[in-house]
Amino acid sequence: QVQLVESGGGLVQAGGSLRLSCAASGLTFGAYTMGWFRQAPGKEREFVAAITWTGDKIYYADSVKGRFTLSRDNAKNTVFLQMNSLKPEDTAVYYCAADRWPVNLRDPTAYDAWGQGTQVTVSS
């Protein structure tokens, strides 16, 4: 029922920027917490950022604070992740996720709906 479609991934050199988008359908978008997670080969899926349904509370992983900016446009049913000063360590598949009432918005298992993922590769 819920569909999340990500875009904006690609190959970028260290220090560059990318802007990821996630378009949602099949849900009352404004009533859902939206999260971004990433997973590198051989690694566990890890929390990147999350934003509450009102957009007034935003949370970031320590590793991306000051470099990534999360926002949402409820009128367009879209959430964005602006990624600046990218590092090779940021290389991963990035996923957006949605859940109305996540018990712990930093825990990927708290989210019911997931996008297909978009690859971000940062070269040296």
PDB file of N, CA and C in Angstrom:
ATOM      1  N   GLN A   1       0.825  -1.197   0.000  1.00  0.00           N
ATOM      2  CA  GLN A   1       0.000   0.000   0.000  1.00  0.00           C
ATOM      3  C   GLN A   1       0.863   1.253   0.000  1.00  0.00           C
ATOM      4  N   VAL A   2       1.805   1.316   0.934  1.00  0.00           N
ATOM      5  CA  VAL A   2       2.707   2.457   1.016  1.00  0.00           C
ATOM      6  C   VAL A   2       3.859   2.251   0.043  1.00  0.00           C
ATOM      7  N   GLN A   3       4.145   3.283  -0.740  1.00  0.00           N
ATOM      8  CA  GLN A   3       5.243   3.239  -1.688  1.00  0.00           C
ATOM      9  C   GLN A   3       6.179   4.418  -1.459  1.00  0.00           C
ATOM     10  N   LEU A   4       7.458   4.120  -1.386  1.00  0.00           N
ATOM     11  CA  LEU A   4       8.489   5.132  -1.236  1.00  0.00           C
ATOM     12  C   LEU A   4       9.477   4.971  -2.383  1.00  0.00           C
ATOM     13  N   VAL A   5       9.722   6.042  -3.113  1.00  0.00           N
ATOM     14  CA  VAL A   5      10.609   6.009  -4.264  1.00  0.00           C
ATOM     15  C   VAL A   5      11.729   7.015  -4.055  1.00  0.00           C
ATOM     16  N   GLU A   6      12.958   6.506  -3.985  1.00  0.00           N
ATOM     17  CA  GLU A   6      14.126   7.335  -3.749  1.00  0.00           C
ATOM     18  C   GLU A   6      14.809   7.704  -5.058  1.00  0.00           C
ATOM     19  N   SER A   7      15.484   8.839  -5.041  1.00  0.00           N
ATOM     20  CA  SER A   7      16.262   9.273  -6.186  1.00  0.00           C
ATOM     21  C   SER A   7      17.365  10.207  -5.710  1.00  0.00           C
ATOM     22  N   GLY A   8      18.323  10.474  -6.571  1.00  0.00           N
ATOM     23  CA  GLY A   8      19.366  11.440  -6.282  1.00  0.00           C
ATOM     24  C   GLY A   8      20.722  10.860  -5.964  1.00  0.00           C
ATOM     25  N   GLY A   9      20.829   9.542  -5.845  1.00  0.00           N
ATOM     26  CA  GLY A   9      22.115   8.931  -5.582  1.00  0.00           C
ATOM     27  C   GLY A   9      23.022   9.008  -6.796  1.00  0.00           C
ATOM     28  N   GLY A  10      24.287   8.698  -6.578  1.00  0.00           N
ATOM     29  CA  GLY A  10      25.239   8.732  -7.668  1.00  0.00           C
ATOM     30  C   GLY A  10      26.658   8.664  -7.181  1.00  0.00           C
ATOM     31  N   LEU A  11      27.571   8.960  -8.085  1.00  0.00           N
ATOM     32  CA  LEU A  11      29.007   8.953  -7.804  1.00  0.00           C
ATOM     33  C   LEU A  11      29.496  10.378  -7.666  1.00  0.00           C
ATOM     34  N   VAL A  12      30.190  10.654  -6.577  1.00  0.00           N
ATOM     35  CA  VAL A  12      30.693  11.990  -6.318  1.00  0.00           C
ATOM     36  C   VAL A  12      32.062  11.895  -5.663  1.00  0.00           C
ATOM     37  N   GLN A  13      32.897  12.883  -5.905  1.00  0.00           N
ATOM     38  CA  GLN A  13      34.209  12.916  -5.270  1.00  0.00           C
ATOM     39  C   GLN A  13      34.107  13.438  -3.847  1.00  0.00           C
ATOM     40  N   ALA A  14      35.067  13.053  -3.022  1.00  0.00           N
ATOM     41  CA  ALA A  14      35.102  13.517  -1.641  1.00  0.00           C
ATOM     42  C   ALA A  14      35.034  15.043  -1.590  1.00  0.00           C
ATOM     43  N   GLY A  15      34.216  15.537  -0.663  1.00  0.00           N
ATOM     44  CA  GLY A  15      34.007  16.967  -0.538  1.00  0.00           C
ATOM     45  C   GLY A  15      32.821  17.485  -1.321  1.00  0.00           C
ATOM     46  N   GLY A  16      32.262  16.661  -2.184  1.00  0.00           N
ATOM     47  CA  GLY A  16      31.133  17.064  -2.991  1.00  0.00           C
ATOM     48  C   GLY A  16      29.813  16.916  -2.266  1.00  0.00           C
ATOM     49  N   SER A  17      28.734  17.158  -3.002  1.00  0.00           N
ATOM     50  CA  SER A  17      27.393  17.149  -2.426  1.00  0.00           C
ATOM     51  C   SER A  17      26.431  16.347  -3.282  1.00  0.00           C
ATOM     52  N   LEU A  18      25.425  15.803  -2.628  1.00  0.00           N
ATOM     53  CA  LEU A  18      24.308  15.147  -3.282  1.00  0.00           C
ATOM     54  C   LEU A  18      23.038  15.489  -2.522  1.00  0.00           C
ATOM     55  N   ARG A  19      21.926  15.493  -3.230  1.00  0.00           N
ATOM     56  CA  ARG A  19      20.628  15.716  -2.609  1.00  0.00           C
ATOM     57  C   ARG A  19      19.720  14.541  -2.937  1.00  0.00           C
ATOM     58  N   LEU A  20      19.376  13.780  -1.913  1.00  0.00           N
ATOM     59  CA  LEU A  20      18.494  12.644  -2.073  1.00  0.00           C
ATOM     60  C   LEU A  20      17.049  13.060  -1.853  1.00  0.00           C
ATOM     61  N   SER A  21      16.147  12.442  -2.605  1.00  0.00           N
ATOM     62  CA  SER A  21      14.724  12.688  -2.459  1.00  0.00           C
ATOM     63  C   SER A  21      14.004  11.371  -2.253  1.00  0.00           C
ATOM     64  N   CYS A  22      12.907  11.425  -1.534  1.00  0.00           N
ATOM     65  CA  CYS A  22      12.049  10.262  -1.342  1.00  0.00           C
ATOM     66  C   CYS A  22      10.607  10.711  -1.481  1.00  0.00           C
ATOM     67  N   ALA A  23       9.952  10.239  -2.531  1.00  0.00           N
ATOM     68  CA  ALA A  23       8.559  10.566  -2.785  1.00  0.00           C
ATOM     69  C   ALA A  23       7.671   9.452  -2.257  1.00  0.00           C
ATOM     70  N   ALA A  24       6.655   9.818  -1.504  1.00  0.00           N
ATOM     71  CA  ALA A  24       5.785   8.846  -0.848  1.00  0.00           C
ATOM     72  C   ALA A  24       4.385   8.876  -1.439  1.00  0.00           C
ATOM     73  N   SER A  25       3.753   7.715  -1.444  1.00  0.00           N
ATOM     74  CA  SER A  25       2.355   7.596  -1.846  1.00  0.00           C
ATOM     75  C   SER A  25       1.710   6.476  -1.047  1.00  0.00           C
ATOM     76  N   GLY A  26       0.391   6.469  -1.014  1.00  0.00           N
ATOM     77  CA  GLY A  26      -0.320   5.427  -0.302  1.00  0.00           C
ATOM     78  C   GLY A  26      -0.403   5.632   1.194  1.00  0.00           C
ATOM     79  N   LEU A  27      -0.078   6.817   1.659  1.00  0.00           N
ATOM     80  CA  LEU A  27      -0.159   7.134   3.077  1.00  0.00           C
ATOM     81  C   LEU A  27      -0.532   8.595   3.258  1.00  0.00           C
ATOM     82  N   THR A  28      -0.977   8.908   4.458  1.00  0.00           N
ATOM     83  CA  THR A  28      -1.187  10.306   4.815  1.00  0.00           C
ATOM     84  C   THR A  28       0.162  10.842   5.242  1.00  0.00           C
ATOM     85  N   PHE A  29       0.893  11.382   4.286  1.00  0.00           N
ATOM     86  CA  PHE A  29       2.307  11.695   4.461  1.00  0.00           C
ATOM     87  C   PHE A  29       2.568  12.558   5.686  1.00  0.00           C
ATOM     88  N   GLY A  30       1.738  13.562   5.898  1.00  0.00           N
ATOM     89  CA  GLY A  30       1.951  14.484   7.006  1.00  0.00           C
ATOM     90  C   GLY A  30       1.809  13.855   8.379  1.00  0.00           C
ATOM     91  N   ALA A  31       1.297  12.644   8.459  1.00  0.00           N
ATOM     92  CA  ALA A  31       1.108  11.952   9.730  1.00  0.00           C
ATOM     93  C   ALA A  31       2.198  10.927  10.012  1.00  0.00           C
ATOM     94  N   TYR A  32       3.235  10.876   9.189  1.00  0.00           N
ATOM     95  CA  TYR A  32       4.277   9.868   9.320  1.00  0.00           C
ATOM     96  C   TYR A  32       5.635  10.472   9.648  1.00  0.00           C
ATOM     97  N   THR A  33       6.335   9.805  10.548  1.00  0.00           N
ATOM     98  CA  THR A  33       7.744  10.072  10.743  1.00  0.00           C
ATOM     99  C   THR A  33       8.527   9.465   9.578  1.00  0.00           C
ATOM    100  N   MET A  34       9.475  10.223   9.050  1.00  0.00           N
ATOM    101  CA  MET A  34      10.292   9.763   7.933  1.00  0.00           C
ATOM    102  C   MET A  34      11.743   9.655   8.379  1.00  0.00           C
ATOM    103  N   GLY A  35      12.378   8.561   8.010  1.00  0.00           N
ATOM    104  CA  GLY A  35      13.760   8.337   8.376  1.00  0.00           C
ATOM    105  C   GLY A  35      14.622   7.999   7.181  1.00  0.00           C
ATOM    106  N   TRP A  36      15.908   8.276   7.313  1.00  0.00           N
ATOM    107  CA  TRP A  36      16.920   7.857   6.341  1.00  0.00           C
ATOM    108  C   TRP A  36      17.908   6.937   7.040  1.00  0.00           C
ATOM    109  N   PHE A  37      18.215   5.830   6.385  1.00  0.00           N
ATOM    110  CA  PHE A  37      19.188   4.864   6.869  1.00  0.00           C
ATOM    111  C   PHE A  37      20.150   4.529   5.740  1.00  0.00           C
ATOM    112  N   ARG A  38      21.284   3.955   6.090  1.00  0.00           N
ATOM    113  CA  ARG A  38      22.239   3.548   5.058  1.00  0.00           C
ATOM    114  C   ARG A  38      22.870   2.217   5.437  1.00  0.00           C
ATOM    115  N   GLN A  39      23.314   1.513   4.416  1.00  0.00           N
ATOM    116  CA  GLN A  39      23.938   0.219   4.626  1.00  0.00           C
ATOM    117  C   GLN A  39      25.072   0.029   3.628  1.00  0.00           C
ATOM    118  N   ALA A  40      26.262  -0.162   4.147  1.00  0.00           N
ATOM    119  CA  ALA A  40      27.430  -0.446   3.335  1.00  0.00           C
ATOM    120  C   ALA A  40      27.633  -1.959   3.262  1.00  0.00           C
ATOM    121  N   PRO A  41      28.326  -2.449   2.230  1.00  0.00           N
ATOM    122  CA  PRO A  41      28.558  -3.889   2.111  1.00  0.00           C
ATOM    123  C   PRO A  41      29.216  -4.462   3.360  1.00  0.00           C
ATOM    124  N   GLY A  42      28.641  -5.535   3.879  1.00  0.00           N
ATOM    125  CA  GLY A  42      29.184  -6.183   5.054  1.00  0.00           C
ATOM    126  C   GLY A  42      28.886  -5.487   6.360  1.00  0.00           C
ATOM    127  N   LYS A  43      28.125  -4.406   6.317  1.00  0.00           N
ATOM    128  CA  LYS A  43      27.808  -3.649   7.517  1.00  0.00           C
ATOM    129  C   LYS A  43      26.318  -3.720   7.826  1.00  0.00           C
ATOM    130  N   GLU A  44      25.977  -3.430   9.073  1.00  0.00           N
ATOM    131  CA  GLU A  44      24.581  -3.363   9.481  1.00  0.00           C
ATOM    132  C   GLU A  44      23.954  -2.071   8.983  1.00  0.00           C
ATOM    133  N   ARG A  45      22.657  -2.106   8.785  1.00  0.00           N
ATOM    134  CA  ARG A  45      21.946  -0.894   8.421  1.00  0.00           C
ATOM    135  C   ARG A  45      21.995   0.078   9.593  1.00  0.00           C
ATOM    136  N   GLU A  46      22.367   1.323   9.317  1.00  0.00           N
ATOM    137  CA  GLU A  46      22.548   2.291  10.381  1.00  0.00           C
ATOM    138  C   GLU A  46      21.708   3.542  10.165  1.00  0.00           C
ATOM    139  N   PHE A  47      21.361   4.153  11.265  1.00  0.00           N
ATOM    140  CA  PHE A  47      20.560   5.368  11.264  1.00  0.00           C
ATOM    141  C   PHE A  47      21.350   6.542  10.717  1.00  0.00           C
ATOM    142  N   VAL A  48      20.700   7.370   9.907  1.00  0.00           N
ATOM    143  CA  VAL A  48      21.304   8.591   9.381  1.00  0.00           C
ATOM    144  C   VAL A  48      20.586   9.823   9.926  1.00  0.00           C
ATOM    145  N   ALA A  49      19.269   9.884   9.720  1.00  0.00           N
ATOM    146  CA  ALA A  49      18.494  11.046  10.144  1.00  0.00           C
ATOM    147  C   ALA A  49      17.020  10.690  10.150  1.00  0.00           C
ATOM    148  N   ALA A  50      16.232  11.441  10.912  1.00  0.00           N
ATOM    149  CA  ALA A  50      14.788  11.244  10.947  1.00  0.00           C
ATOM    150  C   ALA A  50      14.102  12.563  11.251  1.00  0.00           C
ATOM    151  N   ILE A  51      12.865  12.688  10.789  1.00  0.00           N
ATOM    152  CA  ILE A  51      12.082  13.894  10.994  1.00  0.00           C
ATOM    153  C   ILE A  51      10.664  13.496  11.362  1.00  0.00           C
ATOM    154  N   THR A  52      10.121  14.148  12.381  1.00  0.00           N
ATOM    155  CA  THR A  52       8.781  13.823  12.839  1.00  0.00           C
ATOM    156  C   THR A  52       7.732  14.334  11.865  1.00  0.00           C
ATOM    157  N   TRP A  53       6.485  13.887  12.052  1.00  0.00           N
ATOM    158  CA  TRP A  53       5.452  14.210  11.077  1.00  0.00           C
ATOM    159  C   TRP A  53       5.125  15.697  11.006  1.00  0.00           C
ATOM    160  N   THR A  54       5.403  16.429  12.067  1.00  0.00           N
ATOM    161  CA  THR A  54       5.191  17.869  12.042  1.00  0.00           C
ATOM    162  C   THR A  54       6.389  18.617  11.467  1.00  0.00           C
ATOM    163  N   GLY A  55       7.519  17.942  11.346  1.00  0.00           N
ATOM    164  CA  GLY A  55       8.722  18.563  10.834  1.00  0.00           C
ATOM    165  C   GLY A  55       9.446  19.447  11.826  1.00  0.00           C
ATOM    166  N   ASP A  56       8.987  19.474  13.066  1.00  0.00           N
ATOM    167  CA  ASP A  56       9.586  20.359  14.055  1.00  0.00           C
ATOM    168  C   ASP A  56      10.679  19.701  14.886  1.00  0.00           C
ATOM    169  N   LYS A  57      10.872  18.399  14.729  1.00  0.00           N
ATOM    170  CA  LYS A  57      11.931  17.689  15.436  1.00  0.00           C
ATOM    171  C   LYS A  57      12.724  16.864  14.435  1.00  0.00           C
ATOM    172  N   ILE A  58      14.014  17.123  14.376  1.00  0.00           N
ATOM    173  CA  ILE A  58      14.901  16.452  13.441  1.00  0.00           C
ATOM    174  C   ILE A  58      16.064  15.852  14.211  1.00  0.00           C
ATOM    175  N   TYR A  59      16.426  14.633  13.870  1.00  0.00           N
ATOM    176  CA  TYR A  59      17.478  13.906  14.563  1.00  0.00           C
ATOM    177  C   TYR A  59      18.519  13.442  13.562  1.00  0.00           C
ATOM    178  N   TYR A  60      19.789  13.504  13.954  1.00  0.00           N
ATOM    179  CA  TYR A  60      20.890  13.102  13.091  1.00  0.00           C
ATOM    180  C   TYR A  60      21.830  12.161  13.826  1.00  0.00           C
ATOM    181  N   ALA A  61      22.418  11.249  13.081  1.00  0.00           N
ATOM    182  CA  ALA A  61      23.517  10.467  13.615  1.00  0.00           C
ATOM    183  C   ALA A  61      24.712  11.376  13.837  1.00  0.00           C
ATOM    184  N   ASP A  62      25.506  11.067  14.855  1.00  0.00           N
ATOM    185  CA  ASP A  62      26.671  11.898  15.151  1.00  0.00           C
ATOM    186  C   ASP A  62      27.618  12.000  13.955  1.00  0.00           C
ATOM    187  N   SER A  63      27.700  10.957  13.165  1.00  0.00           N
ATOM    188  CA  SER A  63      28.636  10.919  12.055  1.00  0.00           C
ATOM    189  C   SER A  63      28.284  11.879  10.924  1.00  0.00           C
ATOM    190  N   VAL A  64      27.042  12.375  10.892  1.00  0.00           N
ATOM    191  CA  VAL A  64      26.627  13.253   9.800  1.00  0.00           C
ATOM    192  C   VAL A  64      26.220  14.644  10.269  1.00  0.00           C
ATOM    193  N   LYS A  65      26.217  14.884  11.558  1.00  0.00           N
ATOM    194  CA  LYS A  65      25.843  16.200  12.071  1.00  0.00           C
ATOM    195  C   LYS A  65      26.747  17.282  11.496  1.00  0.00           C
ATOM    196  N   GLY A  66      26.128  18.365  11.065  1.00  0.00           N
ATOM    197  CA  GLY A  66      26.864  19.466  10.486  1.00  0.00           C
ATOM    198  C   GLY A  66      27.129  19.327   9.007  1.00  0.00           C
ATOM    199  N   ARG A  67      26.894  18.150   8.445  1.00  0.00           N
ATOM    200  CA  ARG A  67      27.120  17.908   7.023  1.00  0.00           C
ATOM    201  C   ARG A  67      25.831  17.598   6.264  1.00  0.00           C
ATOM    202  N   PHE A  68      24.913  16.890   6.896  1.00  0.00           N
ATOM    203  CA  PHE A  68      23.659  16.495   6.259  1.00  0.00           C
ATOM    204  C   PHE A  68      22.512  17.325   6.821  1.00  0.00           C
ATOM    205  N   THR A  69      21.533  17.613   5.975  1.00  0.00           N
ATOM    206  CA  THR A  69      20.350  18.350   6.387  1.00  0.00           C
ATOM    207  C   THR A  69      19.106  17.630   5.890  1.00  0.00           C
ATOM    208  N   LEU A  70      18.210  17.315   6.811  1.00  0.00           N
ATOM    209  CA  LEU A  70      16.969  16.619   6.493  1.00  0.00           C
ATOM    210  C   LEU A  70      15.811  17.608   6.504  1.00  0.00           C
ATOM    211  N   SER A  71      14.927  17.490   5.527  1.00  0.00           N
ATOM    212  CA  SER A  71      13.746  18.335   5.470  1.00  0.00           C
ATOM    213  C   SER A  71      12.607  17.567   4.817  1.00  0.00           C
ATOM    214  N   ARG A  72      11.394  18.086   4.968  1.00  0.00           N
ATOM    215  CA  ARG A  72      10.250  17.466   4.320  1.00  0.00           C
ATOM    216  C   ARG A  72       9.306  18.529   3.794  1.00  0.00           C
ATOM    217  N   ASP A  73       8.633  18.200   2.710  1.00  0.00           N
ATOM    218  CA  ASP A  73       7.630  19.054   2.113  1.00  0.00           C
ATOM    219  C   ASP A  73       6.351  18.234   2.064  1.00  0.00           C
ATOM    220  N   ASN A  74       5.501  18.428   3.056  1.00  0.00           N
ATOM    221  CA  ASN A  74       4.291  17.623   3.150  1.00  0.00           C
ATOM    222  C   ASN A  74       3.336  17.869   1.983  1.00  0.00           C
ATOM    223  N   ALA A  75       3.340  19.080   1.448  1.00  0.00           N
ATOM    224  CA  ALA A  75       2.482  19.391   0.314  1.00  0.00           C
ATOM    225  C   ALA A  75       2.870  18.592  -0.920  1.00  0.00           C
ATOM    226  N   LYS A  76       4.146  18.221  -1.020  1.00  0.00           N
ATOM    227  CA  LYS A  76       4.647  17.450  -2.155  1.00  0.00           C
ATOM    228  C   LYS A  76       4.895  15.986  -1.804  1.00  0.00           C
ATOM    229  N   ASN A  77       4.570  15.593  -0.582  1.00  0.00           N
ATOM    230  CA  ASN A  77       4.766  14.210  -0.126  1.00  0.00           C
ATOM    231  C   ASN A  77       6.199  13.742  -0.351  1.00  0.00           C
ATOM    232  N   THR A  78       7.144  14.601  -0.026  1.00  0.00           N
ATOM    233  CA  THR A  78       8.541  14.316  -0.315  1.00  0.00           C
ATOM    234  C   THR A  78       9.428  14.699   0.864  1.00  0.00           C
ATOM    235  N   VAL A  79      10.427  13.865   1.130  1.00  0.00           N
ATOM    236  CA  VAL A  79      11.441  14.161   2.122  1.00  0.00           C
ATOM    237  C   VAL A  79      12.787  14.248   1.406  1.00  0.00           C
ATOM    238  N   PHE A  80      13.653  15.138   1.877  1.00  0.00           N
ATOM    239  CA  PHE A  80      14.935  15.386   1.236  1.00  0.00           C
ATOM    240  C   PHE A  80      16.071  15.175   2.224  1.00  0.00           C
ATOM    241  N   LEU A  81      17.195  14.743   1.707  1.00  0.00           N
ATOM    242  CA  LEU A  81      18.417  14.655   2.490  1.00  0.00           C
ATOM    243  C   LEU A  81      19.524  15.338   1.703  1.00  0.00           C
ATOM    244  N   GLN A  82      19.889  16.538   2.138  1.00  0.00           N
ATOM    245  CA  GLN A  82      20.986  17.270   1.524  1.00  0.00           C
ATOM    246  C   GLN A  82      22.281  16.822   2.179  1.00  0.00           C
ATOM    247  N   MET A  83      23.201  16.297   1.394  1.00  0.00           N
ATOM    248  CA  MET A  83      24.451  15.757   1.905  1.00  0.00           C
ATOM    249  C   MET A  83      25.606  16.585   1.358  1.00  0.00           C
ATOM    250  N   ASN A  84      26.307  17.263   2.251  1.00  0.00           N
ATOM    251  CA  ASN A  84      27.444  18.091   1.890  1.00  0.00           C
ATOM    252  C   ASN A  84      28.719  17.526   2.499  1.00  0.00           C
ATOM    253  N   SER A  85      29.854  17.985   1.991  1.00  0.00           N
ATOM    254  CA  SER A  85      31.161  17.559   2.497  1.00  0.00           C
ATOM    255  C   SER A  85      31.251  16.046   2.598  1.00  0.00           C
ATOM    256  N   LEU A  86      30.858  15.383   1.548  1.00  0.00           N
ATOM    257  CA  LEU A  86      30.800  13.925   1.565  1.00  0.00           C
ATOM    258  C   LEU A  86      32.182  13.306   1.701  1.00  0.00           C
ATOM    259  N   LYS A  87      32.228  12.201   2.422  1.00  0.00           N
ATOM    260  CA  LYS A  87      33.450  11.461   2.682  1.00  0.00           C
ATOM    261  C   LYS A  87      33.324  10.055   2.113  1.00  0.00           C
ATOM    262  N   PRO A  88      34.446   9.411   1.803  1.00  0.00           N
ATOM    263  CA  PRO A  88      34.369   8.018   1.346  1.00  0.00           C
ATOM    264  C   PRO A  88      33.618   7.119   2.326  1.00  0.00           C
ATOM    265  N   GLU A  89      33.684   7.423   3.610  1.00  0.00           N
ATOM    266  CA  GLU A  89      32.976   6.646   4.618  1.00  0.00           C
ATOM    267  C   GLU A  89      31.458   6.735   4.483  1.00  0.00           C
ATOM    268  N   ASP A  90      30.953   7.708   3.723  1.00  0.00           N
ATOM    269  CA  ASP A  90      29.525   7.845   3.492  1.00  0.00           C
ATOM    270  C   ASP A  90      29.013   6.908   2.406  1.00  0.00           C
ATOM    271  N   THR A  91      29.904   6.227   1.730  1.00  0.00           N
ATOM    272  CA  THR A  91      29.505   5.317   0.660  1.00  0.00           C
ATOM    273  C   THR A  91      28.613   4.211   1.205  1.00  0.00           C
ATOM    274  N   ALA A  92      27.428   4.076   0.628  1.00  0.00           N
ATOM    275  CA  ALA A  92      26.455   3.093   1.085  1.00  0.00           C
ATOM    276  C   ALA A  92      25.221   3.176   0.208  1.00  0.00           C
ATOM    277  N   VAL A  93      24.333   2.207   0.379  1.00  0.00           N
ATOM    278  CA  VAL A  93      22.993   2.315  -0.162  1.00  0.00           C
ATOM    279  C   VAL A  93      22.149   3.059   0.862  1.00  0.00           C
ATOM    280  N   TYR A  94      21.499   4.113   0.419  1.00  0.00           N
ATOM    281  CA  TYR A  94      20.683   4.930   1.303  1.00  0.00           C
ATOM    282  C   TYR A  94      19.208   4.605   1.104  1.00  0.00           C
ATOM    283  N   TYR A  95      18.509   4.380   2.204  1.00  0.00           N
ATOM    284  CA  TYR A  95      17.099   4.015   2.189  1.00  0.00           C
ATOM    285  C   TYR A  95      16.275   5.052   2.941  1.00  0.00           C
ATOM    286  N   CYS A  96      15.102   5.364   2.419  1.00  0.00           N
ATOM    287  CA  CYS A  96      14.150   6.120   3.206  1.00  0.00           C
ATOM    288  C   CYS A  96      13.116   5.169   3.781  1.00  0.00           C
ATOM    289  N   ALA A  97      12.556   5.545   4.908  1.00  0.00           N
ATOM    290  CA  ALA A  97      11.613   4.703   5.616  1.00  0.00           C
ATOM    291  C   ALA A  97      10.532   5.565   6.246  1.00  0.00           C
ATOM    292  N   ALA A  98       9.360   4.958   6.469  1.00  0.00           N
ATOM    293  CA  ALA A  98       8.232   5.675   7.040  1.00  0.00           C
ATOM    294  C   ALA A  98       7.527   4.830   8.083  1.00  0.00           C
ATOM    295  N   ASP A  99       7.096   5.477   9.134  1.00  0.00           N
ATOM    296  CA  ASP A  99       6.272   4.838  10.147  1.00  0.00           C
ATOM    297  C   ASP A  99       5.507   5.910  10.893  1.00  0.00           C
ATOM    298  N   ARG A 100       4.263   5.606  11.220  1.00  0.00           N
ATOM    299  CA  ARG A 100       3.427   6.623  11.854  1.00  0.00           C
ATOM    300  C   ARG A 100       3.864   6.907  13.293  1.00  0.00           C
ATOM    301  N   TRP A 101       4.129   5.847  14.043  1.00  0.00           N
ATOM    302  CA  TRP A 101       4.536   6.000  15.444  1.00  0.00           C
ATOM    303  C   TRP A 101       5.718   5.092  15.760  1.00  0.00           C
ATOM    304  N   PRO A 102       6.905   5.402  15.256  1.00  0.00           N
ATOM    305  CA  PRO A 102       8.051   4.551  15.560  1.00  0.00           C
ATOM    306  C   PRO A 102       8.386   4.595  17.046  1.00  0.00           C
ATOM    307  N   VAL A 103       8.582   3.419  17.629  1.00  0.00           N
ATOM    308  CA  VAL A 103       8.935   3.341  19.034  1.00  0.00           C
ATOM    309  C   VAL A 103      10.275   4.022  19.283  1.00  0.00           C
ATOM    310  N   ASN A 104      11.214   3.797  18.382  1.00  0.00           N
ATOM    311  CA  ASN A 104      12.535   4.415  18.451  1.00  0.00           C
ATOM    312  C   ASN A 104      12.921   4.808  17.035  1.00  0.00           C
ATOM    313  N   LEU A 105      12.878   6.093  16.725  1.00  0.00           N
ATOM    314  CA  LEU A 105      13.078   6.523  15.352  1.00  0.00           C
ATOM    315  C   LEU A 105      14.510   6.381  14.863  1.00  0.00           C
ATOM    316  N   ARG A 106      15.421   5.962  15.724  1.00  0.00           N
ATOM    317  CA  ARG A 106      16.784   5.650  15.324  1.00  0.00           C
ATOM    318  C   ARG A 106      16.983   4.162  15.029  1.00  0.00           C
ATOM    319  N   ASP A 107      15.951   3.368  15.238  1.00  0.00           N
ATOM    320  CA  ASP A 107      16.010   1.918  15.065  1.00  0.00           C
ATOM    321  C   ASP A 107      15.325   1.531  13.763  1.00  0.00           C
ATOM    322  N   PRO A 108      16.039   0.938  12.811  1.00  0.00           N
ATOM    323  CA  PRO A 108      15.400   0.577  11.541  1.00  0.00           C
ATOM    324  C   PRO A 108      14.243  -0.395  11.684  1.00  0.00           C
ATOM    325  N   THR A 109      14.253  -1.228  12.721  1.00  0.00           N
ATOM    326  CA  THR A 109      13.170  -2.185  12.898  1.00  0.00           C
ATOM    327  C   THR A 109      11.873  -1.523  13.336  1.00  0.00           C
ATOM    328  N   ALA A 110      11.903  -0.246  13.667  1.00  0.00           N
ATOM    329  CA  ALA A 110      10.710   0.478  14.073  1.00  0.00           C
ATOM    330  C   ALA A 110       9.889   0.985  12.894  1.00  0.00           C
ATOM    331  N   TYR A 111      10.406   0.859  11.685  1.00  0.00           N
ATOM    332  CA  TYR A 111       9.745   1.384  10.496  1.00  0.00           C
ATOM    333  C   TYR A 111       9.106   0.269   9.678  1.00  0.00           C
ATOM    334  N   ASP A 112       7.895   0.536   9.191  1.00  0.00           N
ATOM    335  CA  ASP A 112       7.145  -0.464   8.439  1.00  0.00           C
ATOM    336  C   ASP A 112       7.387  -0.400   6.937  1.00  0.00           C
ATOM    337  N   ALA A 113       7.549   0.790   6.396  1.00  0.00           N
ATOM    338  CA  ALA A 113       7.657   0.975   4.958  1.00  0.00           C
ATOM    339  C   ALA A 113       9.052   1.439   4.578  1.00  0.00           C
ATOM    340  N   TRP A 114       9.574   0.886   3.485  1.00  0.00           N
ATOM    341  CA  TRP A 114      10.922   1.191   3.021  1.00  0.00           C
ATOM    342  C   TRP A 114      10.951   1.423   1.526  1.00  0.00           C
ATOM    343  N   GLY A 115      11.840   2.308   1.108  1.00  0.00           N
ATOM    344  CA  GLY A 115      12.096   2.481  -0.302  1.00  0.00           C
ATOM    345  C   GLY A 115      13.057   1.422  -0.806  1.00  0.00           C
ATOM    346  N   GLN A 116      13.345   1.483  -2.105  1.00  0.00           N
ATOM    347  CA  GLN A 116      14.205   0.479  -2.730  1.00  0.00           C
ATOM    348  C   GLN A 116      15.685   0.736  -2.497  1.00  0.00           C
ATOM    349  N   GLY A 117      16.035   1.923  -2.070  1.00  0.00           N
ATOM    350  CA  GLY A 117      17.410   2.297  -1.835  1.00  0.00           C
ATOM    351  C   GLY A 117      18.034   2.963  -3.047  1.00  0.00           C
ATOM    352  N   THR A 118      18.969   3.865  -2.799  1.00  0.00           N
ATOM    353  CA  THR A 118      19.716   4.515  -3.859  1.00  0.00           C
ATOM    354  C   THR A 118      21.191   4.527  -3.481  1.00  0.00           C
ATOM    355  N   GLN A 119      22.042   4.175  -4.433  1.00  0.00           N
ATOM    356  CA  GLN A 119      23.467   4.035  -4.164  1.00  0.00           C
ATOM    357  C   GLN A 119      24.153   5.390  -4.136  1.00  0.00           C
ATOM    358  N   VAL A 120      24.933   5.612  -3.092  1.00  0.00           N
ATOM    359  CA  VAL A 120      25.794   6.782  -2.981  1.00  0.00           C
ATOM    360  C   VAL A 120      27.228   6.288  -2.889  1.00  0.00           C
ATOM    361  N   THR A 121      28.061   6.714  -3.823  1.00  0.00           N
ATOM    362  CA  THR A 121      29.457   6.324  -3.837  1.00  0.00           C
ATOM    363  C   THR A 121      30.323   7.574  -3.815  1.00  0.00           C
ATOM    364  N   VAL A 122      31.198   7.663  -2.827  1.00  0.00           N
ATOM    365  CA  VAL A 122      32.077   8.811  -2.668  1.00  0.00           C
ATOM    366  C   VAL A 122      33.512   8.343  -2.889  1.00  0.00           C
ATOM    367  N   SER A 123      34.153   8.889  -3.891  1.00  0.00           N
ATOM    368  CA  SER A 123      35.513   8.496  -4.234  1.00  0.00           C
ATOM    369  C   SER A 123      36.521   9.484  -3.671  1.00  0.00           C
ATOM    370  N   SER A 124      37.755   9.017  -3.489  1.00  0.00           N
ATOM    371  CA  SER A 124      38.830   9.854  -2.974  1.00  0.00           C
ATOM    372  C   SER A 124      39.490  10.636  -4.090  1.00  0.00           C
TER     373      SER A 124
END
